[in-house]
Amino acid sequence: MRPILTLLAVLLSAPMALLHAQPERPNVLFIEVDDLNDWVGVFGGHPQAKTPNMDRLANQAGGTVFMQAYCPGSVCCASRSAMLTGLRPSTTGVYGNSNNMKSSPIAAKAVTLPQYFSQQGYHSLSSGKIFHKHPSWIGMDEGQWAFDEWEPNSGGDGLNKEDLPLNKLPMLDGQKSNADAREFDWGPTVTATKETSDYLTCAWAAKQLDRDFSGKPFFMAVGISKPHLPFHVPQEFFDMHPLDQVQVPEIVPDDLDDILTPRGKKKSGPTEDFLRVQQANQFKQVTQAYLAACSYADHCVGVVLDKLAKSRYAENTIVIVCGDHGWFLGEKLRYRKTDLWQESTRVPLIIRMPGVSEAGTKSNRLVNLLDIYPTLVELCGLPKKEGMDGRSFAGWEKAPSESGLPTLTTMGFQNHSVRSATHRYTRYADGTEELYEHQTDPMERRNLITDAKLKPVVDELRAYLPKHDEPQAVANEIDKKRLRKALAQIKQMGKEYRQKAESGQLDPEMIRKVYESLK
């Protein structure tokens, strides 16, 4: 009788033993930093960048720095929507910040990255800016619907609107100040670092690492808003970059003269931001402010990374830190983004996957944020997601120096740029073209499109342009700033209304009435 009971016990326990023998699916910690360009220490975009936390992540065992990572769109909504759906802007019609992905029939039907992980048994949670924010009649759509758990932002800078802009940057002669011009501001916050929004977002994320998520692996997305304008960060981060020591990026006055339309006219000129900075000779000040904002963002990243290192999840969590697109700091006679040159299309991307690569690996493989979705699916052993434009680059550690196929960035309808290992080719809707050779001209200052000898290169890269450009999705009908004012009024009505506003559960008619009253 005893041998039979022993055999039964073995048979009954076998399925459980097999279950435990299966490899554990890794957790995912995804951190996206808004408007962060390559001014990160390990990327070398600026010699004075101070980002010790991101640098440390890159130099840990399993860390890889992708030196040739690019965005699918050089503005927030286009880039983020593409990354989160795995579909290019030219596929969905989501080209700009006014295009909510839900207004695109194609993007609206897509299963987003966090939704797919949730479907596969992960617990998804998020705080901060991951999806681009859009106004809707149930409140601000921040992608709450895509996560099992979502935490609204808190904190602030403590500044009075009457004191803004802090930099007192004069307008150009004859130009009137507007909201966009006032956003181009910098200066120290009133609140302490631990009371600012990004710090509190990261403190929330760090706290989640004490949980067990009911035994499920987690997919946690953390959005950091700086260095997005305005560059309002605590004074301690300005102090890290003494103004008299700040190095300003090289500015070439005739940089845009060789970019001509098919009619022979100059395609681009200096932007208003650039001319205002030039008029006031504030090049050092704006450079210091961006460096400070990058250091602040890095400090917040460190809050999460430090806690992860001490947690039970340290060795079974894939960590991704990236920007959503690049940013100009005077190069090409402009500030901000929304262009198709190297400085606005290249992004910092660091991935740490324990046990995959040696510490401090640098990869020259051409990758795109569009590729993150299929790459994570493969790295986590999930069923392959069909129908995406992105392509997995899992396995990069076996050949980190391999260049890979050219990659595409889009900015607006029928404006595309193709980056290969050696060249960048750009074509605009009006027929204007550019070609740059990166081995001798990394800052893209000599447009070679008229060089007949390079026609084979142009023909090769043209083949990577989209075969179809989806018409632009419907733009937002609701003014975002006005809606925020309406929601702020509703939140002041009491705790119940505040909670409903933060979770998107307010009565749409109530929002409409308050919104209309603000005319």
Protein backbone atom coordinates (compact mmCIF):
# COMPACT_ATOMS: atom_id res chain seq x y z
CA MET A 1 0.00 0.00 0.00
CA ARG A 2 2.82 2.44 0.90
CA PRO A 3 4.55 2.18 -2.56
CA ILE A 4 1.19 2.92 -4.25
CA LEU A 5 0.60 5.99 -2.08
CA THR A 6 4.14 7.17 -2.82
CA LEU A 7 3.57 6.74 -6.56
CA LEU A 8 0.29 8.66 -6.37
CA ALA A 9 2.00 11.47 -4.51
CA VAL A 10 4.67 11.69 -7.21
CA LEU A 11 2.10 11.71 -10.01
CA LEU A 12 -0.04 14.34 -8.31
CA SER A 13 2.95 16.59 -7.68
CA ALA A 14 4.40 16.26 -11.21
CA PRO A 15 2.35 19.04 -12.86
CA MET A 16 3.29 21.47 -10.10
CA ALA A 17 6.95 20.52 -10.39
CA LEU A 18 6.82 21.04 -14.14
CA LEU A 19 5.18 24.41 -13.61
CA HIS A 20 7.95 25.52 -11.30
CA ALA A 21 10.54 24.23 -13.75
CA GLN A 22 9.34 26.62 -16.46
CA PRO A 23 11.45 29.76 -16.86
CA GLU A 24 10.03 32.73 -14.99
CA ARG A 25 8.83 35.56 -17.20
CA PRO A 26 10.80 38.74 -16.51
CA ASN A 27 9.19 41.90 -15.20
CA VAL A 28 9.40 45.07 -17.26
CA LEU A 29 10.23 48.54 -15.92
CA PHE A 30 9.81 51.06 -18.72
CA ILE A 31 10.86 54.67 -18.05
CA GLU A 32 10.23 57.33 -20.69
CA VAL A 33 11.75 60.80 -20.34
CA ASP A 34 9.96 63.57 -22.23
CA ASP A 35 12.07 65.61 -24.72
CA LEU A 36 15.34 64.01 -23.61
CA ASN A 37 17.91 64.13 -26.40
CA ASP A 38 21.40 62.59 -26.36
CA TRP A 39 22.64 64.89 -23.57
CA VAL A 40 23.20 61.85 -21.38
CA GLY A 41 26.70 61.00 -20.20
CA VAL A 42 27.03 57.62 -21.91
CA PHE A 43 25.73 59.02 -25.22
CA GLY A 44 28.18 61.92 -25.35
CA GLY A 45 25.71 64.44 -26.75
CA HIS A 46 27.13 67.21 -24.54
CA PRO A 47 30.48 67.00 -22.71
CA GLN A 48 29.01 68.57 -19.55
CA ALA A 49 25.92 66.37 -19.20
CA LYS A 50 25.61 65.01 -15.66
CA THR A 51 23.36 61.96 -15.58
CA PRO A 52 24.99 59.52 -13.14
CA ASN A 53 21.94 57.30 -12.68
CA MET A 54 21.32 56.57 -16.33
CA ASP A 55 25.07 56.13 -16.81
CA ARG A 56 25.16 53.63 -13.96
CA LEU A 57 22.29 51.64 -15.46
CA ALA A 58 24.13 51.44 -18.78
CA ASN A 59 27.29 50.24 -17.09
CA GLN A 60 25.67 47.50 -15.02
CA ALA A 61 25.86 43.86 -16.06
CA GLY A 62 23.28 43.33 -18.78
CA GLY A 63 23.20 47.03 -19.71
CA THR A 64 23.33 48.14 -23.34
CA VAL A 65 23.53 51.64 -24.77
CA PHE A 66 21.98 51.89 -28.24
CA MET A 67 24.02 54.59 -29.92
CA GLN A 68 21.88 54.65 -33.06
CA ALA A 69 18.31 54.70 -31.75
CA TYR A 70 15.72 56.86 -33.50
CA CYS A 71 12.12 57.95 -32.99
CA PRO A 72 9.22 57.06 -35.30
CA GLY A 73 8.00 60.68 -35.15
CA SER A 74 9.80 63.80 -33.95
CA VAL A 75 6.95 65.09 -31.79
CA CYS A 76 5.47 63.58 -28.62
CA CYS A 77 2.13 62.18 -29.76
CA ALA A 78 3.36 60.74 -33.05
CA SER A 79 6.34 59.05 -31.41
CA ARG A 80 4.51 57.71 -28.37
CA SER A 81 1.47 56.49 -30.29
CA ALA A 82 3.71 54.65 -32.74
CA MET A 83 5.81 53.11 -29.99
CA LEU A 84 2.77 51.98 -28.00
CA THR A 85 0.96 50.47 -31.00
CA GLY A 86 3.94 49.27 -33.04
CA LEU A 87 2.43 51.15 -36.02
CA ARG A 88 4.08 54.00 -37.94
CA PRO A 89 2.49 57.46 -38.16
CA SER A 90 2.04 56.87 -41.90
CA THR A 91 0.02 53.74 -41.05
CA THR A 92 -2.31 55.35 -38.49
CA GLY A 93 -2.48 59.01 -39.54
CA VAL A 94 -1.35 60.11 -36.07
CA TYR A 95 1.22 62.72 -37.09
CA GLY A 96 0.97 65.46 -34.49
CA ASN A 97 0.04 66.38 -30.93
CA SER A 98 -3.51 67.30 -31.92
CA ASN A 99 -4.22 63.77 -33.19
CA ASN A 100 -5.57 61.56 -30.41
CA MET A 101 -4.80 57.99 -31.43
CA LYS A 102 -8.41 57.14 -30.61
CA SER A 103 -9.49 59.39 -33.49
CA SER A 104 -7.56 57.17 -35.89
CA PRO A 105 -9.69 54.17 -36.98
CA ILE A 106 -6.51 52.12 -37.30
CA ALA A 107 -4.78 53.13 -34.06
CA ALA A 108 -8.04 52.93 -32.09
CA LYS A 109 -8.34 49.22 -32.88
CA ALA A 110 -4.73 48.43 -31.96
CA VAL A 111 -3.89 46.50 -28.80
CA THR A 112 -1.33 48.73 -27.12
CA LEU A 113 1.88 47.53 -25.51
CA PRO A 114 0.61 47.57 -21.89
CA GLN A 115 -2.71 46.03 -22.93
CA TYR A 116 -0.96 43.16 -24.67
CA PHE A 117 1.18 42.43 -21.63
CA SER A 118 -1.94 42.52 -19.45
CA GLN A 119 -3.64 40.05 -21.79
CA GLN A 120 -0.66 37.73 -21.38
CA GLY A 121 -0.92 37.59 -17.60
CA TYR A 122 1.12 40.63 -16.53
CA HIS A 123 -0.09 43.23 -14.06
CA SER A 124 0.27 46.58 -15.85
CA LEU A 125 0.54 49.82 -13.93
CA SER A 126 1.66 53.35 -14.67
CA SER A 127 2.07 56.93 -13.54
CA GLY A 128 3.35 60.00 -15.35
CA LYS A 129 3.29 60.74 -19.06
CA ILE A 130 3.39 57.60 -21.19
CA PHE A 131 0.58 58.24 -23.67
CA HIS A 132 0.27 61.78 -24.99
CA LYS A 133 -2.44 63.64 -23.11
CA HIS A 134 -5.61 64.63 -24.96
CA PRO A 135 -8.78 66.45 -23.89
CA SER A 136 -12.02 64.46 -23.94
CA TRP A 137 -15.52 64.91 -22.56
CA ILE A 138 -14.75 62.53 -19.70
CA GLY A 139 -11.64 64.50 -18.73
CA MET A 140 -7.99 64.34 -19.76
CA ASP A 141 -7.28 61.14 -21.65
CA GLU A 142 -3.83 60.10 -20.41
CA GLY A 143 -4.09 56.45 -21.44
CA GLN A 144 -5.62 55.35 -18.13
CA TRP A 145 -7.66 52.80 -20.05
CA ALA A 146 -4.56 50.92 -21.19
CA PHE A 147 -3.39 49.87 -17.71
CA ASP A 148 -4.73 47.61 -14.97
CA GLU A 149 -3.71 50.31 -12.51
CA TRP A 150 -3.03 53.99 -13.09
CA GLU A 151 -1.89 56.67 -10.67
CA PRO A 152 -2.57 60.37 -11.42
CA ASN A 153 0.19 62.95 -11.12
CA SER A 154 0.68 65.11 -8.06
CA GLY A 155 3.15 67.78 -6.98
CA GLY A 156 4.16 70.96 -8.76
CA ASP A 157 6.70 73.75 -9.06
CA GLY A 158 5.11 76.24 -6.63
CA LEU A 159 5.51 79.14 -9.07
CA ASN A 160 2.99 81.97 -9.35
CA LYS A 161 1.69 82.67 -12.85
CA GLU A 162 2.17 86.38 -12.21
CA ASP A 163 5.93 85.79 -11.98
CA LEU A 164 6.19 84.02 -15.35
CA PRO A 165 8.16 83.89 -17.51
CA LEU A 166 11.08 83.64 -15.12
CA ASN A 167 13.71 84.21 -17.81
CA LYS A 168 12.13 87.54 -18.91
CA LEU A 169 13.31 86.77 -22.45
CA PRO A 170 12.16 89.69 -24.64
CA MET A 171 9.91 89.12 -27.62
CA LEU A 172 11.13 90.13 -31.07
CA ASP A 173 10.20 93.60 -32.27
CA GLY A 174 6.57 93.65 -33.31
CA GLN A 175 5.87 90.18 -31.88
CA LYS A 176 3.24 89.67 -29.18
CA SER A 177 3.67 87.21 -26.36
CA ASN A 178 1.55 84.05 -26.54
CA ALA A 179 1.24 80.80 -24.62
CA ASP A 180 3.80 79.06 -26.84
CA ALA A 181 6.34 81.85 -26.38
CA ARG A 182 5.76 81.93 -22.62
CA GLU A 183 6.36 78.19 -22.40
CA PHE A 184 9.91 78.78 -23.67
CA ASP A 185 11.00 79.60 -20.15
CA TRP A 186 13.50 78.47 -17.57
CA GLY A 187 14.37 79.06 -13.95
CA PRO A 188 14.25 77.46 -10.48
CA THR A 189 11.14 76.05 -8.84
CA VAL A 190 9.87 77.24 -5.48
CA THR A 191 9.09 73.76 -4.19
CA ALA A 192 11.81 71.41 -3.00
CA THR A 193 12.87 68.50 -5.19
CA LYS A 194 10.86 65.96 -3.20
CA GLU A 195 7.67 67.96 -3.78
CA THR A 196 7.99 68.19 -7.57
CA SER A 197 5.79 66.15 -9.88
CA ASP A 198 8.43 63.90 -11.48
CA TYR A 199 10.03 63.09 -8.14
CA LEU A 200 6.66 62.07 -6.68
CA THR A 201 5.88 59.96 -9.75
CA CYS A 202 9.15 58.09 -9.31
CA ALA A 203 8.66 57.78 -5.54
CA TRP A 204 5.29 56.15 -6.27
CA ALA A 205 6.96 53.76 -8.73
CA ALA A 206 9.65 52.89 -6.20
CA LYS A 207 7.01 52.10 -3.59
CA GLN A 208 5.33 49.62 -5.92
CA LEU A 209 8.46 47.48 -5.85
CA ASP A 210 7.55 46.43 -2.30
CA ARG A 211 4.48 44.59 -3.64
CA ASP A 212 4.11 41.02 -4.91
CA PHE A 213 1.38 41.73 -7.55
CA SER A 214 -0.46 38.53 -6.56
CA GLY A 215 2.35 36.45 -7.99
CA LYS A 216 2.09 37.97 -11.48
CA PRO A 217 5.02 39.53 -13.34
CA PHE A 218 4.59 43.28 -13.71
CA PHE A 219 4.79 45.75 -16.57
CA MET A 220 5.35 49.17 -15.00
CA ALA A 221 5.55 52.32 -17.16
CA VAL A 222 6.90 55.49 -15.57
CA GLY A 223 6.71 58.82 -17.39
CA ILE A 224 9.01 61.72 -16.51
CA SER A 225 7.93 65.12 -17.85
CA LYS A 226 11.27 66.97 -17.81
CA PRO A 227 13.26 68.14 -19.68
CA HIS A 228 10.08 69.19 -21.51
CA LEU A 229 9.50 72.94 -21.48
CA PRO A 230 9.38 75.01 -19.39
CA PHE A 231 12.74 74.21 -17.81
CA HIS A 232 11.50 74.83 -14.27
CA VAL A 233 13.54 72.57 -12.00
CA PRO A 234 14.97 72.99 -8.49
CA GLN A 235 17.93 75.31 -8.03
CA GLU A 236 20.27 72.50 -7.02
CA PHE A 237 20.28 71.22 -10.61
CA PHE A 238 21.13 74.64 -12.03
CA ASP A 239 23.98 74.74 -9.48
CA MET A 240 25.36 71.51 -10.97
CA HIS A 241 26.08 73.48 -14.17
CA PRO A 242 27.73 76.84 -13.30
CA LEU A 243 26.75 79.37 -15.94
CA ASP A 244 30.26 80.70 -16.54
CA GLN A 245 31.45 77.18 -17.40
CA VAL A 246 28.61 76.17 -19.74
CA GLN A 247 29.62 75.17 -23.27
CA VAL A 248 27.14 76.20 -25.96
CA PRO A 249 26.66 73.88 -28.96
CA GLU A 250 28.33 75.14 -32.14
CA ILE A 251 26.01 77.33 -34.16
CA VAL A 252 26.60 77.66 -37.91
CA PRO A 253 24.86 80.76 -39.34
CA ASP A 254 24.62 79.42 -42.92
CA ASP A 255 23.66 75.88 -41.86
CA LEU A 256 20.33 75.96 -43.74
CA ASP A 257 21.42 77.71 -46.94
CA ASP A 258 21.85 74.53 -49.01
CA ILE A 259 18.39 73.10 -48.31
CA LEU A 260 16.31 74.32 -51.25
CA THR A 261 12.77 73.57 -52.41
CA PRO A 262 12.16 72.33 -55.98
CA ARG A 263 11.61 76.01 -56.87
CA GLY A 264 15.05 76.93 -55.57
CA LYS A 265 13.93 78.76 -52.44
CA LYS A 266 15.33 78.19 -48.95
CA LYS A 267 13.27 75.55 -47.19
CA SER A 268 13.94 76.66 -43.62
CA GLY A 269 15.20 79.57 -41.58
CA PRO A 270 15.91 80.33 -37.92
CA THR A 271 12.98 79.90 -35.57
CA GLU A 272 11.48 82.61 -33.37
CA ASP A 273 12.90 80.93 -30.25
CA PHE A 274 16.38 81.04 -31.72
CA LEU A 275 16.10 84.67 -32.77
CA ARG A 276 14.86 85.68 -29.30
CA VAL A 277 17.81 83.90 -27.63
CA GLN A 278 20.22 85.42 -30.15
CA GLN A 279 18.81 88.93 -29.66
CA ALA A 280 19.21 88.68 -25.87
CA ASN A 281 22.48 86.71 -26.07
CA GLN A 282 21.04 84.04 -23.77
CA PHE A 283 22.69 81.00 -25.41
CA LYS A 284 24.50 80.01 -22.22
CA GLN A 285 21.41 80.45 -20.08
CA VAL A 286 19.15 78.20 -22.15
CA THR A 287 21.92 75.59 -22.48
CA GLN A 288 22.41 75.60 -18.69
CA ALA A 289 18.67 75.24 -18.17
CA TYR A 290 18.40 72.19 -20.45
CA LEU A 291 21.43 70.58 -18.79
CA ALA A 292 19.82 71.24 -15.40
CA ALA A 293 16.50 69.74 -16.52
CA CYS A 294 18.29 66.62 -17.80
CA SER A 295 20.12 66.26 -14.48
CA TYR A 296 16.83 66.64 -12.61
CA ALA A 297 15.18 63.97 -14.77
CA ASP A 298 18.14 61.68 -14.14
CA HIS A 299 17.84 62.24 -10.40
CA CYS A 300 14.21 61.11 -10.56
CA VAL A 301 15.16 58.05 -12.61
CA GLY A 302 17.63 57.22 -9.85
CA VAL A 303 14.83 57.10 -7.25
CA VAL A 304 13.31 54.12 -9.09
CA LEU A 305 16.58 52.44 -10.03
CA ASP A 306 17.93 52.61 -6.48
CA LYS A 307 14.83 50.94 -5.11
CA LEU A 308 14.87 48.28 -7.84
CA ALA A 309 18.47 47.40 -6.98
CA LYS A 310 17.44 46.69 -3.36
CA SER A 311 14.24 44.85 -4.22
CA ARG A 312 13.41 41.19 -4.87
CA TYR A 313 13.02 42.11 -8.55
CA ALA A 314 16.59 43.29 -9.16
CA GLU A 315 17.70 40.30 -11.21
CA ASN A 316 14.50 39.39 -13.05
CA THR A 317 13.45 42.78 -14.42
CA ILE A 318 14.12 44.22 -17.87
CA VAL A 319 14.74 47.96 -17.53
CA ILE A 320 14.28 50.35 -20.45
CA VAL A 321 15.06 54.08 -20.25
CA CYS A 322 14.52 56.23 -23.32
CA GLY A 323 13.51 59.65 -24.62
CA ASP A 324 10.56 60.04 -26.97
CA HIS A 325 12.42 62.12 -29.60
CA GLY A 326 15.37 64.48 -29.83
CA TRP A 327 15.66 68.21 -29.12
CA PHE A 328 17.57 71.15 -30.61
CA LEU A 329 19.70 73.50 -28.51
CA GLY A 330 20.62 76.02 -31.21
CA GLU A 331 21.78 73.54 -33.85
CA LYS A 332 20.09 74.21 -37.21
CA LEU A 333 19.23 77.68 -35.81
CA ARG A 334 16.39 76.41 -33.67
CA TYR A 335 15.23 75.08 -30.33
CA ARG A 336 12.59 72.43 -29.58
CA LYS A 337 11.84 69.45 -31.89
CA THR A 338 9.50 68.63 -34.85
CA ASP A 339 12.13 68.37 -37.56
CA LEU A 340 13.84 65.53 -39.40
CA TRP A 341 17.51 66.20 -38.73
CA GLN A 342 19.74 64.09 -36.51
CA GLU A 343 19.34 66.19 -33.36
CA SER A 344 15.55 65.80 -33.32
CA THR A 345 15.32 62.19 -34.50
CA ARG A 346 18.02 60.45 -32.45
CA VAL A 347 17.01 59.34 -28.96
CA PRO A 348 18.81 57.93 -25.93
CA LEU A 349 17.93 54.28 -25.37
CA ILE A 350 19.33 52.11 -22.58
CA ILE A 351 18.19 48.54 -21.96
CA ARG A 352 19.32 46.42 -19.05
CA MET A 353 18.45 42.74 -19.18
CA PRO A 354 20.30 40.74 -16.51
CA GLY A 355 22.39 37.94 -17.94
CA VAL A 356 22.15 39.07 -21.54
CA SER A 357 25.21 41.22 -22.18
CA GLU A 358 28.42 42.39 -20.58
CA ALA A 359 28.40 45.58 -18.53
CA GLY A 360 28.57 48.77 -20.57
CA THR A 361 27.88 47.21 -23.97
CA LYS A 362 27.47 49.79 -26.74
CA SER A 363 25.46 48.76 -29.76
CA ASN A 364 25.60 50.50 -33.13
CA ARG A 365 22.56 48.64 -34.43
CA LEU A 366 19.99 50.93 -36.03
CA VAL A 367 16.86 50.64 -33.91
CA ASN A 368 13.65 52.60 -33.56
CA LEU A 369 11.31 53.20 -30.64
CA LEU A 370 8.74 51.54 -32.92
CA ASP A 371 10.70 48.32 -32.37
CA ILE A 372 10.38 48.29 -28.57
CA TYR A 373 6.95 46.59 -28.61
CA PRO A 374 7.96 43.51 -30.64
CA THR A 375 11.35 43.38 -28.89
CA LEU A 376 9.81 43.22 -25.42
CA VAL A 377 7.30 40.61 -26.59
CA GLU A 378 10.18 38.40 -27.73
CA LEU A 379 12.39 39.05 -24.70
CA CYS A 380 9.55 38.11 -22.35
CA GLY A 381 8.67 34.95 -24.26
CA LEU A 382 5.14 36.11 -25.17
CA PRO A 383 3.25 34.96 -28.27
CA LYS A 384 4.34 36.98 -31.30
CA LYS A 385 2.10 39.98 -31.97
CA GLU A 386 1.20 40.11 -35.66
CA GLY A 387 0.52 43.17 -37.80
CA MET A 388 3.08 45.60 -36.41
CA ASP A 389 5.43 47.81 -38.44
CA GLY A 390 8.16 47.55 -35.78
CA ARG A 391 10.69 44.73 -35.87
CA SER A 392 12.26 42.99 -32.90
CA PHE A 393 15.94 43.57 -32.25
CA ALA A 394 16.16 40.91 -29.53
CA GLY A 395 19.50 39.12 -29.76
CA TRP A 396 21.44 42.36 -30.22
CA GLU A 397 24.04 41.22 -27.68
CA LYS A 398 25.28 38.53 -30.09
CA ALA A 399 26.26 41.15 -32.66
CA PRO A 400 26.20 44.61 -31.02
CA SER A 401 28.25 46.21 -33.82
CA GLU A 402 25.96 45.00 -36.60
CA SER A 403 24.31 48.03 -38.21
CA GLY A 404 20.96 46.54 -39.18
CA LEU A 405 18.47 47.87 -41.72
CA PRO A 406 17.75 51.60 -42.26
CA THR A 407 15.09 53.13 -40.02
CA LEU A 408 12.36 55.69 -40.63
CA THR A 409 11.21 58.89 -38.89
CA THR A 410 8.13 60.85 -39.96
CA MET A 411 7.08 64.41 -39.14
CA GLY A 412 3.70 65.28 -40.59
CA PHE A 413 1.93 63.96 -43.67
CA GLN A 414 4.39 62.75 -46.35
CA ASN A 415 7.48 64.11 -44.61
CA HIS A 416 9.93 61.26 -44.03
CA SER A 417 13.59 60.72 -43.17
CA VAL A 418 15.50 57.46 -43.63
CA ARG A 419 18.63 56.85 -41.57
CA SER A 420 21.09 54.18 -42.63
CA ALA A 421 24.40 53.29 -41.02
CA THR A 422 26.17 55.86 -43.20
CA HIS A 423 23.61 58.34 -44.55
CA ARG A 424 20.40 60.23 -43.89
CA TYR A 425 17.95 60.82 -46.74
CA THR A 426 14.94 63.09 -46.23
CA ARG A 427 12.03 63.87 -48.52
CA TYR A 428 9.27 66.38 -47.76
CA ALA A 429 5.71 66.60 -49.07
CA ASP A 430 6.69 69.54 -51.30
CA GLY A 431 9.46 67.51 -52.97
CA THR A 432 12.40 69.04 -51.11
CA GLU A 433 15.17 66.48 -50.54
CA GLU A 434 18.28 66.23 -48.38
CA LEU A 435 21.16 63.78 -48.16
CA TYR A 436 23.90 63.72 -45.52
CA GLU A 437 26.97 61.53 -45.16
CA HIS A 438 27.45 60.79 -41.48
CA GLN A 439 31.00 59.52 -41.38
CA THR A 440 32.37 62.93 -42.38
CA ASP A 441 29.41 65.15 -41.48
CA PRO A 442 27.74 63.89 -38.27
CA MET A 443 25.99 67.24 -37.64
CA GLU A 444 24.43 67.21 -41.12
CA ARG A 445 25.74 70.57 -42.34
CA ARG A 446 26.40 69.70 -46.02
CA ASN A 447 23.37 68.70 -48.10
CA LEU A 448 24.68 66.36 -50.81
CA ILE A 449 21.40 65.80 -52.65
CA THR A 450 22.73 67.41 -55.86
CA ASP A 451 25.82 65.18 -55.99
CA ALA A 452 25.19 62.92 -59.00
CA LYS A 453 27.68 60.35 -57.74
CA LEU A 454 25.44 59.66 -54.75
CA LYS A 455 22.30 58.91 -56.79
CA PRO A 456 22.61 55.15 -56.06
CA VAL A 457 22.56 55.94 -52.32
CA VAL A 458 19.46 58.10 -52.74
CA ASP A 459 17.71 55.41 -54.80
CA GLU A 460 18.51 52.79 -52.17
CA LEU A 461 17.16 54.86 -49.29
CA ARG A 462 14.08 56.03 -51.19
CA ALA A 463 12.97 52.40 -51.23
CA TYR A 464 12.41 52.62 -47.46
CA LEU A 465 9.84 55.42 -47.73
CA PRO A 466 6.27 54.33 -46.91
CA LYS A 467 4.26 53.04 -49.86
CA HIS A 468 1.13 54.57 -48.32
CA ASP A 469 0.58 57.69 -46.23
CA GLU A 470 -2.64 57.55 -44.22
CA PRO A 471 -4.51 60.88 -44.18
CA GLN A 472 -4.15 62.81 -40.93
CA ALA A 473 -6.47 61.68 -38.15
CA VAL A 474 -9.12 64.08 -36.87
CA ALA A 475 -7.72 66.80 -34.62
CA ASN A 476 -8.91 67.49 -31.07
CA GLU A 477 -12.10 69.55 -30.93
CA ILE A 478 -11.58 70.53 -27.29
CA ASP A 479 -9.10 73.14 -26.11
CA LYS A 480 -6.73 71.37 -23.70
CA LYS A 481 -5.94 74.35 -21.49
CA ARG A 482 -9.57 75.35 -21.20
CA LEU A 483 -10.52 71.79 -20.27
CA ARG A 484 -7.84 71.74 -17.58
CA LYS A 485 -9.33 74.89 -16.08
CA ALA A 486 -12.76 73.24 -16.10
CA LEU A 487 -11.44 70.12 -14.41
CA ALA A 488 -9.61 72.23 -11.82
CA GLN A 489 -12.91 73.94 -10.94
CA ILE A 490 -14.69 70.60 -10.65
CA LYS A 491 -11.99 69.15 -8.39
CA GLN A 492 -12.51 72.04 -5.99
CA MET A 493 -16.12 70.90 -5.47
CA GLY A 494 -14.98 68.15 -3.11
CA LYS A 495 -13.14 64.87 -2.68
CA GLU A 496 -15.73 62.82 -4.61
CA TYR A 497 -15.46 65.05 -7.66
CA ARG A 498 -11.66 65.14 -7.46
CA GLN A 499 -11.47 61.34 -7.44
CA LYS A 500 -13.89 61.04 -10.36
CA ALA A 501 -11.96 63.67 -12.32
CA GLU A 502 -8.66 61.85 -11.79
CA SER A 503 -10.12 58.49 -12.84
CA GLY A 504 -12.07 59.78 -15.85
CA GLN A 505 -15.50 58.99 -14.33
CA LEU A 506 -17.12 62.43 -14.39
CA ASP A 507 -20.43 63.02 -16.15
CA PRO A 508 -19.52 64.38 -19.63
CA GLU A 509 -22.44 66.83 -19.54
CA MET A 510 -21.13 68.30 -16.30
CA ILE A 511 -17.71 68.83 -17.88
CA ARG A 512 -19.31 70.43 -20.95
CA LYS A 513 -21.28 72.89 -18.84
CA VAL A 514 -18.25 74.02 -16.83
CA TYR A 515 -16.12 74.13 -20.00
CA GLU A 516 -18.69 76.31 -21.79
CA SER A 517 -18.93 78.64 -18.79
CA LEU A 518 -15.25 79.52 -19.23
CA LYS A 519 -15.74 81.22 -22.61
